[in-house]
Amino acid sequence: MEEEIFQNNLSLNEHLREYGCGILASLHVFSIRLTAEQLNKMYEALLAASAIDKDCTIQWIPFTKMLTSRFEFVGIFNEGYLTKSNEVEVLQFFNPNNGFKHFVAGDGLGRVSWDPIPNSKTVREGHRIGKRIWKRS
């Protein structure tokens, strides 16, 4: 298994470094580990298929279908959604001090299990505003 790549890895393209938290957090919950080179190629493929835009805004259904058959995208939910035992979650945080949003992998109980930017300011100073949920296929 490849070593996990964080968002600040200088081998990633500038778009993944700046905006790739949702992609990296999703790969984490899917248990997909890629090298920086593979991530950059994946970014180009997702972009070409319109599953993301250049700033990594994700179209969740086509994004998921391109990356895995082991999970099916369920939807976008508010922070109060209770993740079921057959589901995985990516959490979205908002920092009111700077207006930034950031995605992290959740533990199924609404807590951070992995952050694409370790100890990120948005998680430290912000609060959870939503979840992206997938069920295991």
C-alpha atoms as a PDB file:
ATOM      1  CA  MET A   1       0.000   0.000   0.000  1.00  0.00           C
ATOM      2  CA  GLU A   2       1.266   3.466  -0.903  1.00  0.00           C
ATOM      3  CA  GLU A   3       2.133   5.988   1.798  1.00  0.00           C
ATOM      4  CA  GLU A   4      -0.662   8.499   2.257  1.00  0.00           C
ATOM      5  CA  ILE A   5      -0.120  11.818   0.453  1.00  0.00           C
ATOM      6  CA  PHE A   6      -1.087  15.045   2.196  1.00  0.00           C
ATOM      7  CA  GLN A   7      -2.445  18.106   0.434  1.00  0.00           C
ATOM      8  CA  ASN A   8       0.714  20.149   1.038  1.00  0.00           C
ATOM      9  CA  ASN A   9       2.911  17.658  -0.857  1.00  0.00           C
ATOM     10  CA  LEU A  10       4.929  19.733  -3.337  1.00  0.00           C
ATOM     11  CA  SER A  11       4.759  16.948  -5.946  1.00  0.00           C
ATOM     12  CA  LEU A  12       1.007  17.520  -6.318  1.00  0.00           C
ATOM     13  CA  ASN A  13      -0.201  19.967  -8.938  1.00  0.00           C
ATOM     14  CA  GLU A  14      -1.138  23.441  -7.702  1.00  0.00           C
ATOM     15  CA  HIS A  15      -4.896  22.779  -7.901  1.00  0.00           C
ATOM     16  CA  LEU A  16      -4.711  19.668  -5.711  1.00  0.00           C
ATOM     17  CA  ARG A  17      -2.444  21.488  -3.238  1.00  0.00           C
ATOM     18  CA  GLU A  18      -4.830  24.443  -3.018  1.00  0.00           C
ATOM     19  CA  TYR A  19      -8.271  22.823  -3.350  1.00  0.00           C
ATOM     20  CA  GLY A  20      -7.851  19.033  -3.274  1.00  0.00           C
ATOM     21  CA  CYS A  21      -9.030  18.307   0.263  1.00  0.00           C
ATOM     22  CA  GLY A  22     -12.335  16.772  -0.863  1.00  0.00           C
ATOM     23  CA  ILE A  23     -10.600  14.482  -3.317  1.00  0.00           C
ATOM     24  CA  LEU A  24      -7.951  13.380  -0.827  1.00  0.00           C
ATOM     25  CA  ALA A  25     -10.445  12.878   2.018  1.00  0.00           C
ATOM     26  CA  SER A  26     -12.671  10.806  -0.282  1.00  0.00           C
ATOM     27  CA  LEU A  27      -9.756   8.629  -1.387  1.00  0.00           C
ATOM     28  CA  HIS A  28      -8.917   8.099   2.272  1.00  0.00           C
ATOM     29  CA  VAL A  29     -12.405   6.817   3.170  1.00  0.00           C
ATOM     30  CA  PHE A  30     -12.358   4.631   0.029  1.00  0.00           C
ATOM     31  CA  SER A  31      -8.974   3.199   1.218  1.00  0.00           C
ATOM     32  CA  ILE A  32      -7.381   4.203  -2.082  1.00  0.00           C
ATOM     33  CA  ARG A  33      -3.709   5.173  -1.738  1.00  0.00           C
ATOM     34  CA  LEU A  34      -1.921   6.732  -4.708  1.00  0.00           C
ATOM     35  CA  THR A  35       1.456   8.310  -5.351  1.00  0.00           C
ATOM     36  CA  ALA A  36       1.643  12.036  -6.081  1.00  0.00           C
ATOM     37  CA  GLU A  37       2.196  11.216  -9.757  1.00  0.00           C
ATOM     38  CA  GLN A  38      -0.892   8.978  -9.801  1.00  0.00           C
ATOM     39  CA  LEU A  39      -2.927  11.681  -8.027  1.00  0.00           C
ATOM     40  CA  ASN A  40      -1.919  14.258 -10.621  1.00  0.00           C
ATOM     41  CA  LYS A  41      -2.938  11.881 -13.438  1.00  0.00           C
ATOM     42  CA  MET A  42      -6.211  11.104 -11.653  1.00  0.00           C
ATOM     43  CA  TYR A  43      -6.900  14.855 -11.345  1.00  0.00           C
ATOM     44  CA  GLU A  44      -6.481  15.245 -15.129  1.00  0.00           C
ATOM     45  CA  ALA A  45      -8.781  12.274 -15.822  1.00  0.00           C
ATOM     46  CA  LEU A  46     -11.457  13.571 -13.423  1.00  0.00           C
ATOM     47  CA  LEU A  47     -11.201  17.023 -14.969  1.00  0.00           C
ATOM     48  CA  ALA A  48     -11.466  15.649 -18.519  1.00  0.00           C
ATOM     49  CA  ALA A  49     -14.591  13.691 -17.510  1.00  0.00           C
ATOM     50  CA  SER A  50     -16.151  16.770 -15.833  1.00  0.00           C
ATOM     51  CA  ALA A  51     -16.259  14.914 -12.506  1.00  0.00           C
ATOM     52  CA  ILE A  52     -14.403  17.920 -11.042  1.00  0.00           C
ATOM     53  CA  ASP A  53     -13.608  21.429 -12.188  1.00  0.00           C
ATOM     54  CA  LYS A  54     -10.075  22.859 -12.218  1.00  0.00           C
ATOM     55  CA  ASP A  55     -10.483  24.043  -8.609  1.00  0.00           C
ATOM     56  CA  CYS A  56     -11.517  20.549  -7.477  1.00  0.00           C
ATOM     57  CA  THR A  57     -15.236  21.262  -7.044  1.00  0.00           C
ATOM     58  CA  ILE A  58     -16.599  17.726  -7.112  1.00  0.00           C
ATOM     59  CA  GLN A  59     -19.594  16.305  -8.966  1.00  0.00           C
ATOM     60  CA  TRP A  60     -20.002  13.555  -6.398  1.00  0.00           C
ATOM     61  CA  ILE A  61     -21.803  10.831  -8.390  1.00  0.00           C
ATOM     62  CA  PRO A  62     -19.527  10.762 -11.475  1.00  0.00           C
ATOM     63  CA  PHE A  63     -16.493  11.305  -9.219  1.00  0.00           C
ATOM     64  CA  THR A  64     -17.400   8.244  -7.154  1.00  0.00           C
ATOM     65  CA  LYS A  65     -18.187   6.094 -10.198  1.00  0.00           C
ATOM     66  CA  MET A  66     -14.791   6.914 -11.716  1.00  0.00           C
ATOM     67  CA  LEU A  67     -12.874   5.993  -8.572  1.00  0.00           C
ATOM     68  CA  THR A  68     -14.553   2.978  -7.004  1.00  0.00           C
ATOM     69  CA  SER A  69     -17.236   0.358  -7.419  1.00  0.00           C
ATOM     70  CA  ARG A  70     -17.065  -0.471  -3.697  1.00  0.00           C
ATOM     71  CA  PHE A  71     -19.065   2.611  -2.656  1.00  0.00           C
ATOM     72  CA  GLU A  72     -22.211   4.358  -3.859  1.00  0.00           C
ATOM     73  CA  PHE A  73     -22.702   8.057  -3.197  1.00  0.00           C
ATOM     74  CA  VAL A  74     -25.732   8.591  -0.937  1.00  0.00           C
ATOM     75  CA  GLY A  75     -25.764  12.372  -0.668  1.00  0.00           C
ATOM     76  CA  ILE A  76     -24.884  15.624   1.037  1.00  0.00           C
ATOM     77  CA  PHE A  77     -26.219  15.980   4.563  1.00  0.00           C
ATOM     78  CA  ASN A  78     -26.128  18.502   7.380  1.00  0.00           C
ATOM     79  CA  GLU A  79     -23.863  18.042  10.366  1.00  0.00           C
ATOM     80  CA  GLY A  80     -26.612  16.300  12.359  1.00  0.00           C
ATOM     81  CA  TYR A  81     -26.890  13.296  10.016  1.00  0.00           C
ATOM     82  CA  LEU A  82     -26.137  10.037  11.822  1.00  0.00           C
ATOM     83  CA  THR A  83     -23.876   7.932   9.637  1.00  0.00           C
ATOM     84  CA  LYS A  84     -25.035   4.305   9.411  1.00  0.00           C
ATOM     85  CA  SER A  85     -22.768   1.328  10.032  1.00  0.00           C
ATOM     86  CA  ASN A  86     -22.610   0.476   6.303  1.00  0.00           C
ATOM     87  CA  GLU A  87     -21.632   4.048   5.355  1.00  0.00           C
ATOM     88  CA  VAL A  88     -18.486   6.174   5.299  1.00  0.00           C
ATOM     89  CA  GLU A  89     -18.320   9.924   5.671  1.00  0.00           C
ATOM     90  CA  VAL A  90     -16.317  12.926   4.567  1.00  0.00           C
ATOM     91  CA  LEU A  91     -16.898  15.920   6.814  1.00  0.00           C
ATOM     92  CA  GLN A  92     -16.965  19.551   5.715  1.00  0.00           C
ATOM     93  CA  PHE A  93     -15.718  22.224   8.105  1.00  0.00           C
ATOM     94  CA  PHE A  94     -16.133  25.995   7.965  1.00  0.00           C
ATOM     95  CA  ASN A  95     -13.873  28.545   9.648  1.00  0.00           C
ATOM     96  CA  PRO A  96     -15.844  31.750  10.354  1.00  0.00           C
ATOM     97  CA  ASN A  97     -12.602  33.649  11.039  1.00  0.00           C
ATOM     98  CA  ASN A  98     -11.436  33.457   7.418  1.00  0.00           C
ATOM     99  CA  GLY A  99     -14.407  32.006   5.495  1.00  0.00           C
ATOM    100  CA  PHE A 100     -12.478  28.877   4.454  1.00  0.00           C
ATOM    101  CA  LYS A 101     -14.116  25.480   3.993  1.00  0.00           C
ATOM    102  CA  HIS A 102     -12.225  22.207   4.256  1.00  0.00           C
ATOM    103  CA  PHE A 103     -12.991  18.492   3.824  1.00  0.00           C
ATOM    104  CA  VAL A 104     -11.625  15.750   6.088  1.00  0.00           C
ATOM    105  CA  ALA A 105     -12.253  12.028   6.516  1.00  0.00           C
ATOM    106  CA  GLY A 106     -14.724  11.224   9.266  1.00  0.00           C
ATOM    107  CA  ASP A 107     -14.775   8.286  11.650  1.00  0.00           C
ATOM    108  CA  GLY A 108     -18.483   7.491  11.182  1.00  0.00           C
ATOM    109  CA  LEU A 109     -19.369   9.377  14.366  1.00  0.00           C
ATOM    110  CA  GLY A 110     -18.821  12.877  13.004  1.00  0.00           C
ATOM    111  CA  ARG A 111     -15.254  13.189  14.266  1.00  0.00           C
ATOM    112  CA  VAL A 112     -12.113  13.744  12.201  1.00  0.00           C
ATOM    113  CA  SER A 113     -10.220  10.532  11.491  1.00  0.00           C
ATOM    114  CA  TRP A 114      -7.791  11.986   8.911  1.00  0.00           C
ATOM    115  CA  ASP A 115      -7.077  15.510   7.708  1.00  0.00           C
ATOM    116  CA  PRO A 116      -5.492  16.128   4.271  1.00  0.00           C
ATOM    117  CA  ILE A 117      -3.736  19.088   5.938  1.00  0.00           C
ATOM    118  CA  PRO A 118      -2.608  17.761   9.311  1.00  0.00           C
ATOM    119  CA  ASN A 119      -3.837  19.980  12.155  1.00  0.00           C
ATOM    120  CA  SER A 120      -5.556  22.329   9.701  1.00  0.00           C
ATOM    121  CA  LYS A 121      -6.597  25.765  10.904  1.00  0.00           C
ATOM    122  CA  THR A 122     -10.097  25.330   9.463  1.00  0.00           C
ATOM    123  CA  VAL A 123     -10.728  22.259  11.615  1.00  0.00           C
ATOM    124  CA  ARG A 124      -9.018  23.763  14.685  1.00  0.00           C
ATOM    125  CA  GLU A 125     -10.875  27.099  14.542  1.00  0.00           C
ATOM    126  CA  GLY A 126     -14.004  26.094  12.670  1.00  0.00           C
ATOM    127  CA  HIS A 127     -16.953  23.787  12.994  1.00  0.00           C
ATOM    128  CA  ARG A 128     -18.526  20.963  11.019  1.00  0.00           C
ATOM    129  CA  ILE A 129     -21.199  22.134   8.575  1.00  0.00           C
ATOM    130  CA  GLY A 130     -21.974  18.998   6.609  1.00  0.00           C
ATOM    131  CA  LYS A 131     -21.183  15.487   5.470  1.00  0.00           C
ATOM    132  CA  ARG A 132     -20.757  13.624   2.211  1.00  0.00           C
ATOM    133  CA  ILE A 133     -21.980  10.050   2.671  1.00  0.00           C
ATOM    134  CA  TRP A 134     -21.311   6.836   0.753  1.00  0.00           C
ATOM    135  CA  LYS A 135     -22.673   3.352   1.417  1.00  0.00           C
ATOM    136  CA  ARG A 136     -20.648   0.234   0.871  1.00  0.00           C
ATOM    137  CA  SER A 137     -21.756  -1.625  -2.260  1.00  0.00           C
END
